[in-house]
Amino acid sequence: MITVKINGQNKEIKDNTTVADFLKDNNINPIEVTVEYNFEIINPESIANITLKNQDTLEVLRFVGGG
């Protein structure tokens, strides 16, 4: 297990978890969110290639319109 800061909170996840795995495990559709990995917005096509490491930071942002 590793510890990753996700949306400001520490969370333990399995070793060798990719960003895509994390989103899938948490029922998050990658098309509906923007992902910031270690303070950089990542391309949606890259999420399967990024393996989370201990002490990484992940922000999952969902934009909502309003009126």
PDB file of N, CA and C in Angstrom:
ATOM      1  N   MET A   1       0.847  -1.186   0.000  1.00  0.00           N
ATOM      2  CA  MET A   1       0.000   0.000   0.000  1.00  0.00           C
ATOM      3  C   MET A   1       0.892   1.248   0.000  1.00  0.00           C
ATOM      4  N   ILE A   2       0.377   2.274  -0.676  1.00  0.00           N
ATOM      5  CA  ILE A   2       1.054   3.563  -0.682  1.00  0.00           C
ATOM      6  C   ILE A   2       0.050   4.625  -0.241  1.00  0.00           C
ATOM      7  N   THR A   3       0.566   5.778   0.155  1.00  0.00           N
ATOM      8  CA  THR A   3      -0.289   6.887   0.553  1.00  0.00           C
ATOM      9  C   THR A   3      -0.192   7.983  -0.500  1.00  0.00           C
ATOM     10  N   VAL A   4      -1.341   8.393  -1.002  1.00  0.00           N
ATOM     11  CA  VAL A   4      -1.438   9.427  -2.016  1.00  0.00           C
ATOM     12  C   VAL A   4      -2.400  10.485  -1.495  1.00  0.00           C
ATOM     13  N   LYS A   5      -2.085  11.748  -1.728  1.00  0.00           N
ATOM     14  CA  LYS A   5      -3.005  12.826  -1.336  1.00  0.00           C
ATOM     15  C   LYS A   5      -3.967  13.043  -2.496  1.00  0.00           C
ATOM     16  N   ILE A   6      -5.242  12.789  -2.250  1.00  0.00           N
ATOM     17  CA  ILE A   6      -6.263  12.897  -3.279  1.00  0.00           C
ATOM     18  C   ILE A   6      -7.288  13.939  -2.843  1.00  0.00           C
ATOM     19  N   ASN A   7      -7.400  14.983  -3.648  1.00  0.00           N
ATOM     20  CA  ASN A   7      -8.291  16.100  -3.339  1.00  0.00           C
ATOM     21  C   ASN A   7      -8.093  16.588  -1.903  1.00  0.00           C
ATOM     22  N   GLY A   8      -6.825  16.676  -1.507  1.00  0.00           N
ATOM     23  CA  GLY A   8      -6.474  17.233  -0.204  1.00  0.00           C
ATOM     24  C   GLY A   8      -6.485  16.269   0.963  1.00  0.00           C
ATOM     25  N   GLN A   9      -6.871  15.014   0.730  1.00  0.00           N
ATOM     26  CA  GLN A   9      -6.922  14.047   1.824  1.00  0.00           C
ATOM     27  C   GLN A   9      -6.025  12.853   1.529  1.00  0.00           C
ATOM     28  N   ASN A  10      -5.291  12.403   2.547  1.00  0.00           N
ATOM     29  CA  ASN A  10      -4.442  11.226   2.370  1.00  0.00           C
ATOM     30  C   ASN A  10      -5.310   9.977   2.232  1.00  0.00           C
ATOM     31  N   LYS A  11      -4.941   9.146   1.273  1.00  0.00           N
ATOM     32  CA  LYS A  11      -5.683   7.914   1.035  1.00  0.00           C
ATOM     33  C   LYS A  11      -4.687   6.814   0.732  1.00  0.00           C
ATOM     34  N   GLU A  12      -4.906   5.642   1.309  1.00  0.00           N
ATOM     35  CA  GLU A  12      -4.063   4.490   1.006  1.00  0.00           C
ATOM     36  C   GLU A  12      -4.649   3.749  -0.174  1.00  0.00           C
ATOM     37  N   ILE A  13      -3.783   3.438  -1.139  1.00  0.00           N
ATOM     38  CA  ILE A  13      -4.197   2.689  -2.321  1.00  0.00           C
ATOM     39  C   ILE A  13      -3.178   1.588  -2.579  1.00  0.00           C
ATOM     40  N   LYS A  14      -3.543   0.650  -3.453  1.00  0.00           N
ATOM     41  CA  LYS A  14      -2.649  -0.464  -3.780  1.00  0.00           C
ATOM     42  C   LYS A  14      -1.432   0.036  -4.552  1.00  0.00           C
ATOM     43  N   ASP A  15      -0.316  -0.664  -4.373  1.00  0.00           N
ATOM     44  CA  ASP A  15       0.863  -0.408  -5.190  1.00  0.00           C
ATOM     45  C   ASP A  15       0.516  -0.641  -6.656  1.00  0.00           C
ATOM     46  N   ASN A  16       1.244   0.041  -7.523  1.00  0.00           N
ATOM     47  CA  ASN A  16       1.099  -0.118  -8.980  1.00  0.00           C
ATOM     48  C   ASN A  16      -0.275   0.280  -9.509  1.00  0.00           C
ATOM     49  N   THR A  17      -0.946   1.194  -8.819  1.00  0.00           N
ATOM     50  CA  THR A  17      -2.225   1.710  -9.294  1.00  0.00           C
ATOM     51  C   THR A  17      -1.958   2.856 -10.260  1.00  0.00           C
ATOM     52  N   THR A  18      -2.556   2.776 -11.444  1.00  0.00           N
ATOM     53  CA  THR A  18      -2.445   3.893 -12.387  1.00  0.00           C
ATOM     54  C   THR A  18      -3.555   4.902 -12.085  1.00  0.00           C
ATOM     55  N   VAL A  19      -3.441   6.071 -12.671  1.00  0.00           N
ATOM     56  CA  VAL A  19      -4.504   7.063 -12.522  1.00  0.00           C
ATOM     57  C   VAL A  19      -5.809   6.484 -13.069  1.00  0.00           C
ATOM     58  N   ALA A  20      -5.741   5.797 -14.206  1.00  0.00           N
ATOM     59  CA  ALA A  20      -6.935   5.170 -14.795  1.00  0.00           C
ATOM     60  C   ALA A  20      -7.540   4.146 -13.843  1.00  0.00           C
ATOM     61  N   ASP A  21      -6.695   3.333 -13.196  1.00  0.00           N
ATOM     62  CA  ASP A  21      -7.186   2.353 -12.224  1.00  0.00           C
ATOM     63  C   ASP A  21      -7.910   3.050 -11.078  1.00  0.00           C
ATOM     64  N   PHE A  22      -7.308   4.117 -10.562  1.00  0.00           N
ATOM     65  CA  PHE A  22      -7.916   4.843  -9.450  1.00  0.00           C
ATOM     66  C   PHE A  22      -9.292   5.371  -9.842  1.00  0.00           C
ATOM     67  N   LEU A  23      -9.389   5.982 -11.013  1.00  0.00           N
ATOM     68  CA  LEU A  23     -10.672   6.521 -11.451  1.00  0.00           C
ATOM     69  C   LEU A  23     -11.706   5.401 -11.589  1.00  0.00           C
ATOM     70  N   LYS A  24     -11.313   4.298 -12.200  1.00  0.00           N
ATOM     71  CA  LYS A  24     -12.227   3.164 -12.383  1.00  0.00           C
ATOM     72  C   LYS A  24     -12.681   2.605 -11.036  1.00  0.00           C
ATOM     73  N   ASP A  25     -11.722   2.417 -10.106  1.00  0.00           N
ATOM     74  CA  ASP A  25     -12.039   1.865  -8.785  1.00  0.00           C
ATOM     75  C   ASP A  25     -13.002   2.749  -8.000  1.00  0.00           C
ATOM     76  N   ASN A  26     -13.027   4.049  -8.337  1.00  0.00           N
ATOM     77  CA  ASN A  26     -13.883   4.994  -7.627  1.00  0.00           C
ATOM     78  C   ASN A  26     -15.078   5.439  -8.467  1.00  0.00           C
ATOM     79  N   ASN A  27     -15.370   4.666  -9.518  1.00  0.00           N
ATOM     80  CA  ASN A  27     -16.525   4.928 -10.380  1.00  0.00           C
ATOM     81  C   ASN A  27     -16.546   6.351 -10.928  1.00  0.00           C
ATOM     82  N   ILE A  28     -15.373   6.821 -11.345  1.00  0.00           N
ATOM     83  CA  ILE A  28     -15.248   8.157 -11.923  1.00  0.00           C
ATOM     84  C   ILE A  28     -14.981   7.993 -13.417  1.00  0.00           C
ATOM     85  N   ASN A  29     -15.827   8.585 -14.228  1.00  0.00           N
ATOM     86  CA  ASN A  29     -15.667   8.527 -15.672  1.00  0.00           C
ATOM     87  C   ASN A  29     -14.581   9.528 -16.075  1.00  0.00           C
ATOM     88  N   PRO A  30     -13.473   9.067 -16.657  1.00  0.00           N
ATOM     89  CA  PRO A  30     -12.372   9.980 -16.998  1.00  0.00           C
ATOM     90  C   PRO A  30     -12.758  11.041 -18.014  1.00  0.00           C
ATOM     91  N   ILE A  31     -13.823  10.820 -18.751  1.00  0.00           N
ATOM     92  CA  ILE A  31     -14.276  11.813 -19.733  1.00  0.00           C
ATOM     93  C   ILE A  31     -14.944  13.001 -19.037  1.00  0.00           C
ATOM     94  N   GLU A  32     -15.436  12.789 -17.833  1.00  0.00           N
ATOM     95  CA  GLU A  32     -16.187  13.823 -17.114  1.00  0.00           C
ATOM     96  C   GLU A  32     -15.344  14.655 -16.155  1.00  0.00           C
ATOM     97  N   VAL A  33     -14.047  14.362 -16.057  1.00  0.00           N
ATOM     98  CA  VAL A  33     -13.206  15.067 -15.082  1.00  0.00           C
ATOM     99  C   VAL A  33     -11.910  15.557 -15.725  1.00  0.00           C
ATOM    100  N   THR A  34     -11.291  16.490 -15.028  1.00  0.00           N
ATOM    101  CA  THR A  34      -9.929  16.909 -15.340  1.00  0.00           C
ATOM    102  C   THR A  34      -9.069  16.422 -14.187  1.00  0.00           C
ATOM    103  N   VAL A  35      -7.903  15.864 -14.508  1.00  0.00           N
ATOM    104  CA  VAL A  35      -7.043  15.306 -13.476  1.00  0.00           C
ATOM    105  C   VAL A  35      -5.742  16.096 -13.408  1.00  0.00           C
ATOM    106  N   GLU A  36      -5.409  16.505 -12.190  1.00  0.00           N
ATOM    107  CA  GLU A  36      -4.139  17.180 -11.929  1.00  0.00           C
ATOM    108  C   GLU A  36      -3.271  16.206 -11.148  1.00  0.00           C
ATOM    109  N   TYR A  37      -2.098  15.916 -11.688  1.00  0.00           N
ATOM    110  CA  TYR A  37      -1.172  14.966 -11.075  1.00  0.00           C
ATOM    111  C   TYR A  37       0.096  15.716 -10.692  1.00  0.00           C
ATOM    112  N   ASN A  38       0.394  15.754  -9.412  1.00  0.00           N
ATOM    113  CA  ASN A  38       1.551  16.490  -8.900  1.00  0.00           C
ATOM    114  C   ASN A  38       1.607  17.909  -9.462  1.00  0.00           C
ATOM    115  N   PHE A  39       0.452  18.578  -9.384  1.00  0.00           N
ATOM    116  CA  PHE A  39       0.288  19.992  -9.725  1.00  0.00           C
ATOM    117  C   PHE A  39       0.373  20.300 -11.220  1.00  0.00           C
ATOM    118  N   GLU A  40       0.211  19.282 -12.064  1.00  0.00           N
ATOM    119  CA  GLU A  40       0.161  19.491 -13.504  1.00  0.00           C
ATOM    120  C   GLU A  40      -1.062  18.786 -14.068  1.00  0.00           C
ATOM    121  N   ILE A  41      -1.822  19.488 -14.884  1.00  0.00           N
ATOM    122  CA  ILE A  41      -2.979  18.872 -15.527  1.00  0.00           C
ATOM    123  C   ILE A  41      -2.464  17.884 -16.562  1.00  0.00           C
ATOM    124  N   ILE A  42      -3.023  16.684 -16.528  1.00  0.00           N
ATOM    125  CA  ILE A  42      -2.545  15.656 -17.446  1.00  0.00           C
ATOM    126  C   ILE A  42      -3.563  15.412 -18.557  1.00  0.00           C
ATOM    127  N   ASN A  43      -3.046  15.007 -19.686  1.00  0.00           N
ATOM    128  CA  ASN A  43      -3.838  14.685 -20.848  1.00  0.00           C
ATOM    129  C   ASN A  43      -4.643  13.417 -20.556  1.00  0.00           C
ATOM    130  N   PRO A  44      -5.936  13.393 -20.897  1.00  0.00           N
ATOM    131  CA  PRO A  44      -6.746  12.194 -20.621  1.00  0.00           C
ATOM    132  C   PRO A  44      -6.178  10.914 -21.222  1.00  0.00           C
ATOM    133  N   GLU A  45      -5.486  11.023 -22.330  1.00  0.00           N
ATOM    134  CA  GLU A  45      -4.904   9.836 -22.952  1.00  0.00           C
ATOM    135  C   GLU A  45      -3.728   9.280 -22.155  1.00  0.00           C
ATOM    136  N   SER A  46      -3.190  10.056 -21.222  1.00  0.00           N
ATOM    137  CA  SER A  46      -2.022   9.642 -20.434  1.00  0.00           C
ATOM    138  C   SER A  46      -2.368   8.926 -19.139  1.00  0.00           C
ATOM    139  N   ILE A  47      -3.641   8.916 -18.748  1.00  0.00           N
ATOM    140  CA  ILE A  47      -3.972   8.416 -17.410  1.00  0.00           C
ATOM    141  C   ILE A  47      -3.631   6.949 -17.211  1.00  0.00           C
ATOM    142  N   ALA A  48      -3.646   6.164 -18.274  1.00  0.00           N
ATOM    143  CA  ALA A  48      -3.314   4.735 -18.130  1.00  0.00           C
ATOM    144  C   ALA A  48      -1.814   4.518 -18.023  1.00  0.00           C
ATOM    145  N   ASN A  49      -1.029   5.531 -18.364  1.00  0.00           N
ATOM    146  CA  ASN A  49       0.433   5.399 -18.358  1.00  0.00           C
ATOM    147  C   ASN A  49       1.091   5.965 -17.108  1.00  0.00           C
ATOM    148  N   ILE A  50       0.313   6.564 -16.224  1.00  0.00           N
ATOM    149  CA  ILE A  50       0.883   7.176 -15.019  1.00  0.00           C
ATOM    150  C   ILE A  50       0.566   6.295 -13.819  1.00  0.00           C
ATOM    151  N   THR A  51       1.610   5.739 -13.227  1.00  0.00           N
ATOM    152  CA  THR A  51       1.468   4.909 -12.032  1.00  0.00           C
ATOM    153  C   THR A  51       1.695   5.782 -10.811  1.00  0.00           C
ATOM    154  N   LEU A  52       0.740   5.749  -9.895  1.00  0.00           N
ATOM    155  CA  LEU A  52       0.842   6.556  -8.684  1.00  0.00           C
ATOM    156  C   LEU A  52       1.924   6.012  -7.768  1.00  0.00           C
ATOM    157  N   LYS A  53       2.663   6.942  -7.168  1.00  0.00           N
ATOM    158  CA  LYS A  53       3.739   6.589  -6.248  1.00  0.00           C
ATOM    159  C   LYS A  53       3.449   7.183  -4.875  1.00  0.00           C
ATOM    160  N   ASN A  54       4.109   6.659  -3.862  1.00  0.00           N
ATOM    161  CA  ASN A  54       3.931   7.145  -2.504  1.00  0.00           C
ATOM    162  C   ASN A  54       4.163   8.650  -2.445  1.00  0.00           C
ATOM    163  N   GLN A  55       3.256   9.359  -1.790  1.00  0.00           N
ATOM    164  CA  GLN A  55       3.292  10.793  -1.565  1.00  0.00           C
ATOM    165  C   GLN A  55       2.958  11.635  -2.804  1.00  0.00           C
ATOM    166  N   ASP A  56       2.459  11.017  -3.884  1.00  0.00           N
ATOM    167  CA  ASP A  56       1.975  11.781  -5.027  1.00  0.00           C
ATOM    168  C   ASP A  56       0.739  12.563  -4.622  1.00  0.00           C
ATOM    169  N   THR A  57       0.413  13.577  -5.423  1.00  0.00           N
ATOM    170  CA  THR A  57      -0.782  14.380  -5.206  1.00  0.00           C
ATOM    171  C   THR A  57      -1.667  14.273  -6.440  1.00  0.00           C
ATOM    172  N   LEU A  58      -2.929  14.018  -6.212  1.00  0.00           N
ATOM    173  CA  LEU A  58      -3.896  13.879  -7.298  1.00  0.00           C
ATOM    174  C   LEU A  58      -5.109  14.729  -6.977  1.00  0.00           C
ATOM    175  N   GLU A  59      -5.500  15.565  -7.909  1.00  0.00           N
ATOM    176  CA  GLU A  59      -6.730  16.347  -7.782  1.00  0.00           C
ATOM    177  C   GLU A  59      -7.636  15.929  -8.925  1.00  0.00           C
ATOM    178  N   VAL A  60      -8.858  15.552  -8.595  1.00  0.00           N
ATOM    179  CA  VAL A  60      -9.836  15.166  -9.601  1.00  0.00           C
ATOM    180  C   VAL A  60     -10.906  16.250  -9.593  1.00  0.00           C
ATOM    181  N   LEU A  61     -10.995  16.971 -10.705  1.00  0.00           N
ATOM    182  CA  LEU A  61     -11.874  18.135 -10.783  1.00  0.00           C
ATOM    183  C   LEU A  61     -13.033  17.857 -11.723  1.00  0.00           C
ATOM    184  N   ARG A  62     -14.217  18.132 -11.245  1.00  0.00           N
ATOM    185  CA  ARG A  62     -15.425  17.977 -12.063  1.00  0.00           C
ATOM    186  C   ARG A  62     -16.067  19.360 -12.161  1.00  0.00           C
ATOM    187  N   PHE A  63     -16.223  19.830 -13.388  1.00  0.00           N
ATOM    188  CA  PHE A  63     -16.799  21.164 -13.596  1.00  0.00           C
ATOM    189  C   PHE A  63     -18.305  21.046 -13.781  1.00  0.00           C
ATOM    190  N   VAL A  64     -18.996  21.953 -13.118  1.00  0.00           N
ATOM    191  CA  VAL A  64     -20.450  21.929 -13.143  1.00  0.00           C
ATOM    192  C   VAL A  64     -20.936  23.318 -13.576  1.00  0.00           C
ATOM    193  N   GLY A  65     -21.814  23.333 -14.548  1.00  0.00           N
ATOM    194  CA  GLY A  65     -22.401  24.598 -14.982  1.00  0.00           C
ATOM    195  C   GLY A  65     -23.565  24.978 -14.086  1.00  0.00           C
ATOM    196  N   GLY A  66     -23.835  26.220 -14.053  1.00  0.00           N
ATOM    197  CA  GLY A  66     -24.947  26.668 -13.222  1.00  0.00           C
ATOM    198  C   GLY A  66     -25.559  27.930 -13.801  1.00  0.00           C
ATOM    199  N   GLY A  67     -26.579  28.351 -13.175  1.00  0.00           N
ATOM    200  CA  GLY A  67     -27.187  29.552 -13.714  1.00  0.00           C
ATOM    201  C   GLY A  67     -28.086  30.217 -12.727  1.00  0.00           C
TER     202      GLY A  67
END
